[in-house]
């Protein structure tokens, strides 16, 4: 039996394959495209590397935030968005400091209501996250 396998194996290794001219052209085109793609990938990689190494610190920070966001769970993303909304509202509130007009007072009240509502949403999300974590560990 083993001699039949070795005979079959040696018969298979002596088979030859030929490629038509169209096949050769297609293969050469694929190789050329692959080479261009590799060059582009190297350039992009180099550019990304320089960005992440601080040449463009703002871009590096954005890239880092995007990576962190990708690693976040959906509930963590929601929590992050609500926190950002609260921060934006707090900044708007600071901009209104020193303005004692009635319009500014009304806007402050609206902003404070929104902050209060978002804080409630944030608490609910955090409670849900805690419950989810407990149910996964149990």
N, C-alpha and C. Protein backbone atom coordinates (compact mmCIF):
# COMPACT_ATOMS: atom_id res chain seq x y z
N UNK A 1 0.80 -1.17 0.00
CA UNK A 1 0.00 0.00 0.00
C UNK A 1 0.86 1.25 0.00
N UNK A 2 1.89 1.28 0.84
CA UNK A 2 2.75 2.46 0.91
C UNK A 2 3.46 2.71 -0.41
N UNK A 3 3.77 1.65 -1.16
CA UNK A 3 4.40 1.86 -2.46
C UNK A 3 3.43 2.49 -3.44
N UNK A 4 2.14 2.20 -3.30
CA UNK A 4 1.15 2.82 -4.17
C UNK A 4 1.04 4.31 -3.86
N UNK A 5 1.12 4.66 -2.57
CA UNK A 5 1.07 6.06 -2.19
C UNK A 5 2.30 6.81 -2.68
N UNK A 6 3.46 6.22 -2.53
CA UNK A 6 4.68 6.90 -2.97
C UNK A 6 4.70 7.04 -4.48
N UNK A 7 4.14 6.02 -5.21
CA UNK A 7 4.07 6.10 -6.67
C UNK A 7 3.11 7.23 -7.08
N UNK A 8 1.97 7.33 -6.37
CA UNK A 8 1.01 8.38 -6.66
C UNK A 8 1.62 9.75 -6.35
N UNK A 9 2.37 9.83 -5.26
CA UNK A 9 3.00 11.07 -4.87
C UNK A 9 4.03 11.51 -5.90
N UNK A 10 4.84 10.58 -6.38
CA UNK A 10 5.85 10.94 -7.37
C UNK A 10 5.20 11.27 -8.70
N UNK A 11 4.07 10.64 -9.00
CA UNK A 11 3.37 10.94 -10.24
C UNK A 11 2.79 12.35 -10.18
N UNK A 12 2.32 12.75 -9.02
CA UNK A 12 1.75 14.08 -8.89
C UNK A 12 2.82 15.16 -8.97
N UNK A 13 3.98 14.92 -8.46
CA UNK A 13 5.01 15.93 -8.46
C UNK A 13 5.61 16.13 -9.85
N UNK A 14 5.39 15.22 -10.78
CA UNK A 14 5.95 15.38 -12.12
C UNK A 14 4.95 16.01 -13.09
N UNK A 15 3.73 16.33 -12.62
CA UNK A 15 2.75 16.99 -13.48
C UNK A 15 3.21 18.42 -13.77
N UNK A 16 2.94 18.88 -14.99
CA UNK A 16 3.31 20.23 -15.39
C UNK A 16 2.04 21.01 -15.71
N UNK A 17 2.10 22.28 -15.38
CA UNK A 17 0.97 23.16 -15.66
C UNK A 17 1.47 24.26 -16.57
N UNK A 18 0.70 24.57 -17.60
CA UNK A 18 1.06 25.68 -18.49
C UNK A 18 0.00 26.75 -18.37
N UNK A 19 0.43 27.97 -18.55
CA UNK A 19 -0.47 29.11 -18.45
C UNK A 19 -0.56 29.76 -19.82
N UNK A 20 -1.77 30.04 -20.25
CA UNK A 20 -1.98 30.69 -21.54
C UNK A 20 -1.41 32.10 -21.51
N UNK A 21 -1.27 32.69 -22.71
CA UNK A 21 -0.76 34.05 -22.79
C UNK A 21 -1.69 35.02 -22.04
N UNK A 22 -3.00 34.83 -22.17
CA UNK A 22 -3.94 35.69 -21.45
C UNK A 22 -3.76 35.55 -19.95
N UNK A 23 -3.53 34.33 -19.51
CA UNK A 23 -3.30 34.08 -18.10
C UNK A 23 -2.03 34.74 -17.61
N UNK A 24 -0.97 34.68 -18.44
CA UNK A 24 0.29 35.33 -18.07
C UNK A 24 0.12 36.84 -17.98
N UNK A 25 -0.62 37.41 -18.94
CA UNK A 25 -0.86 38.85 -18.92
C UNK A 25 -1.66 39.23 -17.66
N UNK A 26 -2.68 38.44 -17.37
CA UNK A 26 -3.48 38.72 -16.18
C UNK A 26 -2.64 38.62 -14.92
N UNK A 27 -1.77 37.62 -14.86
CA UNK A 27 -0.88 37.45 -13.72
C UNK A 27 0.06 38.64 -13.58
N UNK A 28 0.63 39.09 -14.72
CA UNK A 28 1.53 40.25 -14.68
C UNK A 28 0.79 41.51 -14.24
N UNK A 29 -0.47 41.69 -14.71
CA UNK A 29 -1.27 42.84 -14.29
C UNK A 29 -1.55 42.78 -12.80
N UNK A 30 -1.88 41.58 -12.31
CA UNK A 30 -2.13 41.42 -10.87
C UNK A 30 -0.88 41.76 -10.06
N UNK A 31 0.28 41.31 -10.56
CA UNK A 31 1.53 41.60 -9.86
C UNK A 31 1.80 43.10 -9.84
N UNK A 32 1.54 43.77 -10.97
CA UNK A 32 1.76 45.22 -11.05
C UNK A 32 0.82 45.95 -10.10
N UNK A 33 -0.45 45.56 -10.09
CA UNK A 33 -1.41 46.18 -9.19
C UNK A 33 -1.04 45.92 -7.74
N UNK A 34 -0.59 44.70 -7.48
CA UNK A 34 -0.20 44.35 -6.12
C UNK A 34 1.00 45.18 -5.68
N UNK A 35 1.93 45.40 -6.60
CA UNK A 35 3.11 46.20 -6.29
C UNK A 35 2.71 47.64 -6.01
N UNK A 36 1.81 48.19 -6.85
CA UNK A 36 1.35 49.56 -6.63
C UNK A 36 0.60 49.65 -5.31
N UNK A 37 -0.21 48.65 -5.03
CA UNK A 37 -0.96 48.63 -3.78
C UNK A 37 -0.02 48.58 -2.59
N UNK A 38 1.03 47.78 -2.70
CA UNK A 38 2.00 47.68 -1.61
C UNK A 38 2.71 49.01 -1.41
N UNK A 39 3.05 49.70 -2.52
CA UNK A 39 3.69 51.01 -2.41
C UNK A 39 2.76 52.01 -1.74
N UNK A 40 1.50 51.99 -2.16
CA UNK A 40 0.51 52.89 -1.57
C UNK A 40 0.34 52.58 -0.09
N UNK A 41 0.29 51.29 0.22
CA UNK A 41 0.14 50.88 1.62
C UNK A 41 1.33 51.33 2.45
N UNK A 42 2.53 51.22 1.88
CA UNK A 42 3.73 51.67 2.60
C UNK A 42 3.67 53.18 2.83
N UNK A 43 3.25 53.91 1.80
CA UNK A 43 3.15 55.37 1.93
C UNK A 43 2.13 55.75 2.99
N UNK A 44 0.98 55.09 2.94
CA UNK A 44 -0.05 55.37 3.93
C UNK A 44 0.43 55.01 5.33
N UNK A 45 1.11 53.88 5.42
CA UNK A 45 1.62 53.44 6.71
C UNK A 45 2.64 54.44 7.24
N UNK A 46 3.50 54.91 6.36
CA UNK A 46 4.51 55.88 6.75
C UNK A 46 3.86 57.18 7.21
N UNK A 47 2.86 57.61 6.45
CA UNK A 47 2.14 58.82 6.80
C UNK A 47 1.44 58.66 8.14
N UNK A 48 0.79 57.53 8.32
CA UNK A 48 0.08 57.26 9.58
C UNK A 48 1.08 57.21 10.72
N UNK A 49 2.21 56.59 10.48
CA UNK A 49 3.24 56.50 11.51
C UNK A 49 3.72 57.87 11.94
N UNK A 50 3.96 58.75 10.97
CA UNK A 50 4.43 60.08 11.33
C UNK A 50 3.35 60.85 12.08
N UNK A 51 2.11 60.62 11.69
CA UNK A 51 1.00 61.29 12.37
C UNK A 51 0.95 60.84 13.82
N UNK A 52 1.05 59.54 14.03
CA UNK A 52 0.96 59.00 15.38
C UNK A 52 2.18 59.32 16.22
N UNK A 53 3.26 59.71 15.58
CA UNK A 53 4.46 60.04 16.33
C UNK A 53 4.56 61.52 16.66
N UNK A 54 3.45 62.23 16.46
CA UNK A 54 3.40 63.58 16.97
C UNK A 54 3.65 64.70 15.99
N UNK A 55 3.90 64.43 14.71
CA UNK A 55 4.09 65.52 13.78
C UNK A 55 2.82 66.33 13.63
N UNK A 56 1.70 65.63 13.76
CA UNK A 56 0.40 66.28 13.70
C UNK A 56 -0.35 65.85 14.96
N UNK A 57 -0.07 66.50 16.05
CA UNK A 57 -0.59 66.04 17.34
C UNK A 57 -2.11 66.00 17.38
N UNK A 58 -2.76 66.93 16.71
CA UNK A 58 -4.22 66.91 16.72
C UNK A 58 -4.73 65.68 15.98
N UNK A 59 -4.13 65.38 14.84
CA UNK A 59 -4.52 64.19 14.10
C UNK A 59 -4.23 62.93 14.90
N UNK A 60 -3.12 62.94 15.60
CA UNK A 60 -2.76 61.79 16.41
C UNK A 60 -3.78 61.60 17.53
N UNK A 61 -4.21 62.70 18.12
CA UNK A 61 -5.20 62.62 19.19
C UNK A 61 -6.52 62.08 18.65
N UNK A 62 -6.92 62.56 17.46
CA UNK A 62 -8.16 62.08 16.85
C UNK A 62 -8.05 60.60 16.53
N UNK A 63 -6.90 60.17 16.01
CA UNK A 63 -6.71 58.75 15.70
C UNK A 63 -6.79 57.91 16.97
N UNK A 64 -6.20 58.42 18.04
CA UNK A 64 -6.24 57.71 19.31
C UNK A 64 -7.68 57.60 19.82
N UNK A 65 -8.42 58.71 19.71
CA UNK A 65 -9.81 58.70 20.16
C UNK A 65 -10.64 57.72 19.32
N UNK A 66 -10.37 57.67 18.01
CA UNK A 66 -11.10 56.74 17.15
C UNK A 66 -10.79 55.30 17.54
N UNK A 67 -9.55 55.01 17.82
CA UNK A 67 -9.18 53.66 18.23
C UNK A 67 -9.83 53.29 19.56
N UNK A 68 -9.83 54.26 20.48
CA UNK A 68 -10.46 54.00 21.78
C UNK A 68 -11.95 53.78 21.60
N UNK A 69 -12.56 54.56 20.70
CA UNK A 69 -14.00 54.41 20.49
C UNK A 69 -14.32 53.06 19.86
N UNK A 70 -13.44 52.59 18.96
CA UNK A 70 -13.66 51.27 18.36
C UNK A 70 -13.61 50.18 19.42
N UNK A 71 -12.76 50.37 20.41
CA UNK A 71 -12.60 49.36 21.46
C UNK A 71 -13.73 49.44 22.50
N UNK A 72 -14.50 50.52 22.47
CA UNK A 72 -15.56 50.69 23.46
C UNK A 72 -16.77 49.83 23.14
N UNK A 73 -17.47 49.44 24.18
CA UNK A 73 -18.74 48.75 24.01
C UNK A 73 -19.79 49.79 23.60
N UNK A 74 -20.90 49.35 23.05
CA UNK A 74 -21.95 50.31 22.66
C UNK A 74 -22.41 51.20 23.82
N UNK A 75 -22.54 50.63 24.99
CA UNK A 75 -22.99 51.44 26.13
C UNK A 75 -21.93 52.45 26.53
N UNK A 76 -20.64 52.06 26.42
CA UNK A 76 -19.56 53.00 26.72
C UNK A 76 -19.57 54.15 25.72
N UNK A 77 -19.89 53.84 24.46
CA UNK A 77 -19.98 54.90 23.44
C UNK A 77 -21.10 55.88 23.77
N UNK A 78 -22.24 55.33 24.21
CA UNK A 78 -23.36 56.20 24.59
C UNK A 78 -22.98 57.08 25.78
N UNK A 79 -22.33 56.48 26.76
CA UNK A 79 -21.90 57.24 27.94
C UNK A 79 -20.95 58.35 27.52
N UNK A 80 -20.02 58.04 26.65
CA UNK A 80 -19.05 59.03 26.18
C UNK A 80 -19.76 60.18 25.46
N UNK A 81 -20.73 59.85 24.59
CA UNK A 81 -21.46 60.89 23.85
C UNK A 81 -22.24 61.80 24.81
N UNK A 82 -22.88 61.22 25.80
CA UNK A 82 -23.66 62.02 26.76
C UNK A 82 -22.71 62.94 27.55
N UNK A 83 -21.56 62.41 27.96
CA UNK A 83 -20.59 63.24 28.68
C UNK A 83 -20.13 64.41 27.82
N UNK A 84 -19.89 64.14 26.53
CA UNK A 84 -19.46 65.21 25.63
C UNK A 84 -20.55 66.27 25.47
N UNK A 85 -21.80 65.82 25.39
CA UNK A 85 -22.91 66.77 25.28
C UNK A 85 -23.00 67.65 26.52
N UNK A 86 -22.82 67.04 27.69
CA UNK A 86 -22.85 67.80 28.94
C UNK A 86 -21.73 68.83 28.96
N UNK A 87 -20.53 68.41 28.53
CA UNK A 87 -19.39 69.34 28.50
C UNK A 87 -19.67 70.52 27.57
N UNK A 88 -20.26 70.25 26.40
CA UNK A 88 -20.58 71.32 25.45
C UNK A 88 -21.58 72.29 26.07
N UNK A 89 -22.57 71.75 26.76
CA UNK A 89 -23.56 72.62 27.41
C UNK A 89 -22.92 73.46 28.52
N UNK A 90 -22.00 72.86 29.25
CA UNK A 90 -21.31 73.60 30.32
C UNK A 90 -20.47 74.74 29.72
N UNK A 91 -19.87 74.49 28.55
CA UNK A 91 -19.11 75.55 27.88
C UNK A 91 -20.03 76.68 27.45
N UNK A 92 -21.20 76.32 26.92
CA UNK A 92 -22.17 77.35 26.53
C UNK A 92 -22.61 78.16 27.74
N UNK A 93 -22.75 77.48 28.86
CA UNK A 93 -23.14 78.15 30.10
C UNK A 93 -22.07 79.16 30.52
N UNK A 94 -20.80 78.78 30.40
CA UNK A 94 -19.69 79.67 30.75
C UNK A 94 -19.67 80.90 29.84
N UNK A 95 -20.02 80.69 28.57
CA UNK A 95 -20.04 81.80 27.62
C UNK A 95 -21.08 82.85 28.02
N UNK A 96 -22.12 82.42 28.72
CA UNK A 96 -23.19 83.33 29.12
C UNK A 96 -22.89 84.08 30.42
N UNK A 97 -21.77 83.73 31.08
CA UNK A 97 -21.41 84.41 32.33
C UNK A 97 -21.23 85.91 32.05
N UNK A 98 -21.74 86.71 32.95
CA UNK A 98 -21.59 88.16 32.80
C UNK A 98 -22.70 88.79 31.98
N UNK A 99 -23.50 87.98 31.29
CA UNK A 99 -24.63 88.51 30.52
C UNK A 99 -25.87 88.43 31.40
N UNK A 100 -26.38 89.57 31.81
CA UNK A 100 -27.53 89.58 32.72
C UNK A 100 -28.85 89.87 32.00
N UNK A 101 -28.83 89.75 30.69
CA UNK A 101 -30.06 90.02 29.94
C UNK A 101 -31.09 88.91 30.18
N UNK A 102 -32.33 89.24 29.88
CA UNK A 102 -33.41 88.27 30.06
C UNK A 102 -33.22 87.07 29.12
N UNK A 103 -32.76 87.34 27.91
CA UNK A 103 -32.53 86.26 26.94
C UNK A 103 -31.46 85.29 27.46
N UNK A 104 -30.40 85.85 28.05
CA UNK A 104 -29.33 85.01 28.60
C UNK A 104 -29.85 84.19 29.77
N UNK A 105 -30.70 84.80 30.60
CA UNK A 105 -31.29 84.06 31.73
C UNK A 105 -32.13 82.89 31.23
N UNK A 106 -32.93 83.16 30.21
CA UNK A 106 -33.76 82.08 29.63
C UNK A 106 -32.90 80.97 29.04
N UNK A 107 -31.83 81.38 28.35
CA UNK A 107 -30.95 80.37 27.75
C UNK A 107 -30.25 79.55 28.84
N UNK A 108 -29.83 80.22 29.91
CA UNK A 108 -29.19 79.50 31.02
C UNK A 108 -30.15 78.47 31.61
N UNK A 109 -31.42 78.87 31.78
CA UNK A 109 -32.40 77.93 32.31
C UNK A 109 -32.57 76.72 31.40
N UNK A 110 -32.63 76.97 30.09
CA UNK A 110 -32.75 75.86 29.13
C UNK A 110 -31.54 74.95 29.18
N UNK A 111 -30.37 75.56 29.23
CA UNK A 111 -29.12 74.77 29.28
C UNK A 111 -29.07 73.94 30.55
N UNK A 112 -29.43 74.56 31.69
CA UNK A 112 -29.42 73.81 32.95
C UNK A 112 -30.42 72.66 32.92
N UNK A 113 -31.58 72.88 32.30
CA UNK A 113 -32.56 71.79 32.16
C UNK A 113 -32.00 70.65 31.31
N UNK A 114 -31.30 71.03 30.23
CA UNK A 114 -30.71 70.01 29.37
C UNK A 114 -29.62 69.24 30.10
N UNK A 115 -28.80 69.96 30.85
CA UNK A 115 -27.74 69.30 31.63
C UNK A 115 -28.35 68.34 32.64
N UNK A 116 -29.42 68.79 33.30
CA UNK A 116 -30.09 67.95 34.28
C UNK A 116 -30.64 66.69 33.62
N UNK A 117 -31.27 66.85 32.47
CA UNK A 117 -31.83 65.70 31.75
C UNK A 117 -30.72 64.75 31.30
N UNK A 118 -29.64 65.30 30.75
CA UNK A 118 -28.54 64.46 30.30
C UNK A 118 -27.84 63.75 31.46
N UNK A 119 -27.78 64.41 32.60
CA UNK A 119 -27.20 63.78 33.79
C UNK A 119 -28.03 62.57 34.20
N UNK A 120 -29.35 62.70 34.11
CA UNK A 120 -30.23 61.56 34.40
C UNK A 120 -30.00 60.43 33.41
N UNK A 121 -29.85 60.77 32.14
CA UNK A 121 -29.57 59.75 31.11
C UNK A 121 -28.24 59.08 31.41
N UNK A 122 -27.25 59.88 31.77
CA UNK A 122 -25.92 59.35 32.09
C UNK A 122 -25.99 58.38 33.26
N UNK A 123 -26.72 58.74 34.28
CA UNK A 123 -26.87 57.86 35.45
C UNK A 123 -27.54 56.55 35.04
N UNK A 124 -28.57 56.64 34.22
CA UNK A 124 -29.27 55.43 33.76
C UNK A 124 -28.33 54.52 32.97
N UNK A 125 -27.54 55.12 32.10
CA UNK A 125 -26.59 54.33 31.30
C UNK A 125 -25.55 53.65 32.19
N UNK A 126 -25.07 54.39 33.18
CA UNK A 126 -24.07 53.81 34.08
C UNK A 126 -24.67 52.68 34.91
N UNK A 127 -25.90 52.85 35.34
CA UNK A 127 -26.57 51.78 36.08
C UNK A 127 -26.74 50.55 35.19
N UNK A 128 -27.12 50.78 33.94
CA UNK A 128 -27.29 49.66 32.99
C UNK A 128 -25.95 48.96 32.77
N UNK A 129 -24.91 49.75 32.64
CA UNK A 129 -23.57 49.16 32.46
C UNK A 129 -23.19 48.30 33.67
N UNK A 130 -23.49 48.79 34.86
CA UNK A 130 -23.20 48.03 36.08
C UNK A 130 -24.00 46.74 36.13
N UNK A 131 -25.30 46.83 35.79
CA UNK A 131 -26.14 45.63 35.78
C UNK A 131 -25.62 44.62 34.76
N UNK A 132 -25.27 45.10 33.58
CA UNK A 132 -24.75 44.22 32.53
C UNK A 132 -23.46 43.53 32.97
N UNK A 133 -22.59 44.30 33.63
CA UNK A 133 -21.31 43.75 34.10
C UNK A 133 -21.56 42.69 35.18
N UNK A 134 -22.53 42.94 36.06
CA UNK A 134 -22.84 41.97 37.10
C UNK A 134 -23.44 40.70 36.50
N UNK A 135 -24.30 40.86 35.49
CA UNK A 135 -24.93 39.68 34.89
C UNK A 135 -23.91 38.85 34.11
N UNK A 136 -22.90 39.50 33.54
CA UNK A 136 -21.85 38.76 32.82
C UNK A 136 -20.93 38.03 33.79
N UNK A 137 -20.69 38.62 34.95
CA UNK A 137 -19.78 37.98 35.91
C UNK A 137 -20.49 36.89 36.72
N UNK A 138 -21.80 36.92 36.74
CA UNK A 138 -22.54 35.93 37.54
C UNK A 138 -22.71 34.62 36.81
